[in-house]
Amino acid sequence: MHENYQTDFRPFKCQYCGKSFLRKACVRVHERIHTGEKPFKCRYCSKTFNQKAHVQSHEIVHTGDKNFKCQFCDKAFAHLSTARRHERIHTRA
């Protein structure tokens, strides 16, 4: 599989747009964009998603969890990327 990353060999193609993927599971997830399939449902509301990670990220809206703390001030964030982006305000000259 590693060699396929290096050679751009992508044997699995989307039946809708022709985009190629290294793994069969990835093409299946991608094809949900075309089919509109959204098998993952939020536990708190009726919103549905095409990927498990997306529903997990969304559910933070309902729980209010802010587990990522700024290392420079008292602010906390729901997502690591948001916390890292915020921290740049402290480190820029």
N, C-alpha and C. Protein backbone atom coordinates (compact mmCIF):
# COMPACT_ATOMS: atom_id res chain seq x y z
N MET A 1 0.83 -1.19 0.00
CA MET A 1 0.00 0.00 0.00
C MET A 1 0.88 1.25 0.00
N HIS A 2 1.97 1.22 0.78
CA HIS A 2 2.85 2.38 0.82
C HIS A 2 3.37 2.72 -0.58
N GLU A 3 3.75 1.70 -1.32
CA GLU A 3 4.25 1.93 -2.68
C GLU A 3 3.18 2.57 -3.56
N ASN A 4 1.93 2.23 -3.33
CA ASN A 4 0.85 2.84 -4.11
C ASN A 4 0.76 4.34 -3.84
N TYR A 5 1.04 4.76 -2.60
CA TYR A 5 1.06 6.19 -2.30
C TYR A 5 2.15 6.88 -3.13
N GLN A 6 3.27 6.21 -3.28
CA GLN A 6 4.40 6.79 -4.00
C GLN A 6 4.17 6.81 -5.51
N THR A 7 3.41 5.88 -6.03
CA THR A 7 3.23 5.77 -7.48
C THR A 7 1.91 6.37 -7.97
N ASP A 8 1.08 6.83 -7.08
CA ASP A 8 -0.25 7.36 -7.43
C ASP A 8 -1.16 6.30 -8.03
N PHE A 9 -0.91 5.05 -7.74
CA PHE A 9 -1.77 3.97 -8.21
C PHE A 9 -3.03 3.97 -7.34
N ARG A 10 -4.16 4.21 -7.93
CA ARG A 10 -5.45 4.27 -7.23
C ARG A 10 -6.43 3.34 -7.94
N PRO A 11 -6.55 2.10 -7.50
CA PRO A 11 -7.35 1.12 -8.24
C PRO A 11 -8.87 1.24 -8.08
N PHE A 12 -9.33 1.99 -7.10
CA PHE A 12 -10.77 2.06 -6.85
C PHE A 12 -11.33 3.39 -7.34
N LYS A 13 -12.28 3.32 -8.27
CA LYS A 13 -12.83 4.53 -8.88
C LYS A 13 -14.28 4.75 -8.48
N CYS A 14 -14.62 6.01 -8.27
CA CYS A 14 -16.00 6.39 -8.00
C CYS A 14 -16.83 6.14 -9.25
N GLN A 15 -17.95 5.48 -9.08
CA GLN A 15 -18.79 5.16 -10.22
C GLN A 15 -19.55 6.38 -10.75
N TYR A 16 -19.54 7.48 -10.00
CA TYR A 16 -20.27 8.68 -10.39
C TYR A 16 -19.40 9.73 -11.07
N CYS A 17 -18.19 9.93 -10.57
CA CYS A 17 -17.35 11.00 -11.12
C CYS A 17 -15.99 10.52 -11.62
N GLY A 18 -15.64 9.27 -11.32
CA GLY A 18 -14.37 8.72 -11.80
C GLY A 18 -13.17 9.02 -10.92
N LYS A 19 -13.34 9.74 -9.84
CA LYS A 19 -12.22 10.02 -8.94
C LYS A 19 -11.69 8.69 -8.40
N SER A 20 -10.36 8.58 -8.30
CA SER A 20 -9.73 7.32 -7.90
C SER A 20 -9.25 7.36 -6.46
N PHE A 21 -9.26 6.18 -5.83
CA PHE A 21 -8.87 6.05 -4.43
C PHE A 21 -7.98 4.84 -4.23
N LEU A 22 -7.18 4.90 -3.20
CA LEU A 22 -6.26 3.81 -2.86
C LEU A 22 -6.99 2.66 -2.19
N ARG A 23 -8.00 3.00 -1.38
CA ARG A 23 -8.73 1.96 -0.63
C ARG A 23 -10.20 1.95 -1.02
N LYS A 24 -10.77 0.77 -1.01
CA LYS A 24 -12.17 0.59 -1.35
C LYS A 24 -13.08 1.33 -0.38
N ALA A 25 -12.73 1.31 0.90
CA ALA A 25 -13.54 1.99 1.91
C ALA A 25 -13.60 3.49 1.64
N CYS A 26 -12.53 4.07 1.15
CA CYS A 26 -12.50 5.51 0.87
C CYS A 26 -13.43 5.87 -0.28
N VAL A 27 -13.48 5.03 -1.30
CA VAL A 27 -14.38 5.32 -2.42
C VAL A 27 -15.83 5.19 -1.97
N ARG A 28 -16.11 4.27 -1.09
CA ARG A 28 -17.48 4.11 -0.57
C ARG A 28 -17.91 5.37 0.20
N VAL A 29 -17.03 5.89 1.03
CA VAL A 29 -17.34 7.11 1.78
C VAL A 29 -17.53 8.26 0.80
N HIS A 30 -16.66 8.38 -0.19
CA HIS A 30 -16.75 9.45 -1.18
C HIS A 30 -18.07 9.39 -1.95
N GLU A 31 -18.49 8.21 -2.32
CA GLU A 31 -19.71 8.06 -3.13
C GLU A 31 -20.96 8.55 -2.39
N ARG A 32 -20.89 8.65 -1.08
CA ARG A 32 -22.03 9.18 -0.32
C ARG A 32 -22.30 10.64 -0.70
N ILE A 33 -21.29 11.34 -1.17
CA ILE A 33 -21.49 12.72 -1.63
C ILE A 33 -22.48 12.72 -2.78
N HIS A 34 -22.33 11.75 -3.68
CA HIS A 34 -23.18 11.69 -4.88
C HIS A 34 -24.57 11.12 -4.57
N THR A 35 -24.63 10.14 -3.68
CA THR A 35 -25.90 9.48 -3.41
C THR A 35 -26.75 10.22 -2.37
N GLY A 36 -26.09 11.06 -1.57
CA GLY A 36 -26.81 11.76 -0.52
C GLY A 36 -27.02 10.92 0.73
N GLU A 37 -26.44 9.74 0.76
CA GLU A 37 -26.59 8.86 1.93
C GLU A 37 -25.90 9.51 3.13
N LYS A 38 -26.62 9.54 4.25
CA LYS A 38 -26.10 10.10 5.50
C LYS A 38 -26.47 9.15 6.63
N PRO A 39 -25.67 8.11 6.84
CA PRO A 39 -26.02 7.08 7.81
C PRO A 39 -25.75 7.41 9.27
N PHE A 40 -25.10 8.54 9.55
CA PHE A 40 -24.75 8.87 10.92
C PHE A 40 -25.63 10.00 11.43
N LYS A 41 -26.37 9.73 12.52
CA LYS A 41 -27.34 10.67 13.06
C LYS A 41 -26.88 11.22 14.40
N CYS A 42 -27.05 12.52 14.58
CA CYS A 42 -26.73 13.18 15.84
C CYS A 42 -27.63 12.61 16.95
N ARG A 43 -27.04 12.37 18.11
CA ARG A 43 -27.80 11.84 19.25
C ARG A 43 -28.73 12.87 19.87
N TYR A 44 -28.52 14.14 19.56
CA TYR A 44 -29.26 15.21 20.22
C TYR A 44 -30.29 15.90 19.33
N CYS A 45 -30.11 15.82 18.03
CA CYS A 45 -31.06 16.44 17.11
C CYS A 45 -31.23 15.52 15.90
N SER A 46 -31.97 15.94 14.94
CA SER A 46 -32.27 15.07 13.81
C SER A 46 -31.28 15.21 12.66
N LYS A 47 -30.22 15.97 12.84
CA LYS A 47 -29.26 16.19 11.76
C LYS A 47 -28.48 14.91 11.47
N THR A 48 -28.24 14.65 10.18
CA THR A 48 -27.52 13.45 9.75
C THR A 48 -26.26 13.84 8.98
N PHE A 49 -25.31 12.91 8.93
CA PHE A 49 -24.01 13.17 8.32
C PHE A 49 -23.55 11.97 7.51
N ASN A 50 -22.65 12.23 6.56
CA ASN A 50 -22.15 11.13 5.73
C ASN A 50 -20.89 10.49 6.29
N GLN A 51 -20.31 11.08 7.34
CA GLN A 51 -19.12 10.49 7.98
C GLN A 51 -19.26 10.55 9.50
N LYS A 52 -18.75 9.53 10.15
CA LYS A 52 -18.84 9.44 11.60
C LYS A 52 -18.11 10.60 12.28
N ALA A 53 -16.96 10.97 11.76
CA ALA A 53 -16.19 12.07 12.35
C ALA A 53 -16.97 13.38 12.30
N HIS A 54 -17.78 13.55 11.28
CA HIS A 54 -18.55 14.79 11.15
C HIS A 54 -19.64 14.88 12.21
N VAL A 55 -20.31 13.76 12.49
CA VAL A 55 -21.34 13.79 13.53
C VAL A 55 -20.70 13.99 14.91
N GLN A 56 -19.55 13.39 15.12
CA GLN A 56 -18.86 13.56 16.40
C GLN A 56 -18.46 15.02 16.61
N SER A 57 -17.99 15.65 15.57
CA SER A 57 -17.62 17.06 15.65
C SER A 57 -18.85 17.93 15.89
N HIS A 58 -19.94 17.61 15.25
CA HIS A 58 -21.19 18.37 15.40
C HIS A 58 -21.75 18.25 16.81
N GLU A 59 -21.70 17.08 17.41
CA GLU A 59 -22.32 16.86 18.72
C GLU A 59 -21.73 17.74 19.81
N ILE A 60 -20.55 18.28 19.59
CA ILE A 60 -19.94 19.20 20.56
C ILE A 60 -20.81 20.44 20.72
N VAL A 61 -21.54 20.81 19.67
CA VAL A 61 -22.45 21.95 19.73
C VAL A 61 -23.46 21.74 20.86
N HIS A 62 -23.93 20.51 21.02
CA HIS A 62 -24.94 20.20 22.02
C HIS A 62 -24.36 20.01 23.42
N THR A 63 -23.19 19.41 23.50
CA THR A 63 -22.61 19.09 24.81
C THR A 63 -21.87 20.28 25.42
N GLY A 64 -21.37 21.16 24.57
CA GLY A 64 -20.63 22.32 25.07
C GLY A 64 -19.23 21.98 25.55
N ASP A 65 -18.75 20.77 25.27
CA ASP A 65 -17.41 20.38 25.70
C ASP A 65 -16.35 21.28 25.05
N LYS A 66 -15.47 21.79 25.87
CA LYS A 66 -14.35 22.60 25.38
C LYS A 66 -13.08 22.06 26.04
N ASN A 67 -12.57 21.01 25.46
CA ASN A 67 -11.44 20.28 26.05
C ASN A 67 -10.07 20.79 25.62
N PHE A 68 -10.03 21.76 24.70
CA PHE A 68 -8.74 22.24 24.20
C PHE A 68 -8.50 23.64 24.72
N LYS A 69 -7.54 23.74 25.64
CA LYS A 69 -7.28 25.00 26.33
C LYS A 69 -6.08 25.72 25.71
N CYS A 70 -6.19 27.03 25.66
CA CYS A 70 -5.07 27.86 25.20
C CYS A 70 -3.96 27.76 26.24
N GLN A 71 -2.74 27.60 25.77
CA GLN A 71 -1.63 27.49 26.72
C GLN A 71 -1.14 28.85 27.21
N PHE A 72 -1.73 29.94 26.68
CA PHE A 72 -1.30 31.28 27.05
C PHE A 72 -2.33 32.06 27.87
N CYS A 73 -3.60 31.69 27.75
CA CYS A 73 -4.65 32.40 28.49
C CYS A 73 -5.70 31.38 28.96
N ASP A 74 -6.79 31.87 29.51
CA ASP A 74 -7.81 30.99 30.09
C ASP A 74 -8.88 30.51 29.11
N LYS A 75 -8.76 30.85 27.84
CA LYS A 75 -9.79 30.45 26.88
C LYS A 75 -9.71 28.95 26.58
N ALA A 76 -10.89 28.36 26.30
CA ALA A 76 -10.96 26.95 25.94
C ALA A 76 -11.82 26.81 24.68
N PHE A 77 -11.57 25.74 23.93
CA PHE A 77 -12.20 25.57 22.63
C PHE A 77 -12.67 24.13 22.44
N ALA A 78 -13.66 23.98 21.59
CA ALA A 78 -14.23 22.66 21.32
C ALA A 78 -13.35 21.85 20.38
N HIS A 79 -12.58 22.53 19.54
CA HIS A 79 -11.75 21.83 18.55
C HIS A 79 -10.29 22.25 18.68
N LEU A 80 -9.40 21.30 18.50
CA LEU A 80 -7.97 21.56 18.59
C LEU A 80 -7.53 22.60 17.57
N SER A 81 -8.04 22.50 16.36
CA SER A 81 -7.64 23.45 15.32
C SER A 81 -8.00 24.88 15.69
N THR A 82 -9.14 25.07 16.32
CA THR A 82 -9.55 26.41 16.75
C THR A 82 -8.64 26.93 17.86
N ALA A 83 -8.28 26.05 18.78
CA ALA A 83 -7.38 26.44 19.86
C ALA A 83 -6.01 26.84 19.31
N ARG A 84 -5.50 26.07 18.37
CA ARG A 84 -4.18 26.38 17.77
C ARG A 84 -4.23 27.69 17.00
N ARG A 85 -5.31 27.92 16.27
CA ARG A 85 -5.46 29.17 15.53
C ARG A 85 -5.50 30.36 16.50
N HIS A 86 -6.22 30.20 17.61
CA HIS A 86 -6.30 31.25 18.63
C HIS A 86 -4.92 31.53 19.23
N GLU A 87 -4.15 30.49 19.50
CA GLU A 87 -2.85 30.66 20.14
C GLU A 87 -1.90 31.52 19.32
N ARG A 88 -2.13 31.59 18.03
CA ARG A 88 -1.26 32.42 17.18
C ARG A 88 -1.36 33.90 17.53
N ILE A 89 -2.49 34.32 18.11
CA ILE A 89 -2.57 35.74 18.49
C ILE A 89 -1.58 36.06 19.60
N HIS A 90 -1.20 35.07 20.37
CA HIS A 90 -0.24 35.27 21.46
C HIS A 90 1.21 35.21 20.97
N THR A 91 1.46 34.50 19.89
CA THR A 91 2.84 34.26 19.45
C THR A 91 3.29 35.16 18.31
N ARG A 92 2.38 35.89 17.70
CA ARG A 92 2.78 36.80 16.61
C ARG A 92 3.43 38.04 17.18
N ALA A 93 4.44 38.49 16.50
CA ALA A 93 5.17 39.69 16.95
C ALA A 93 4.47 40.96 16.55
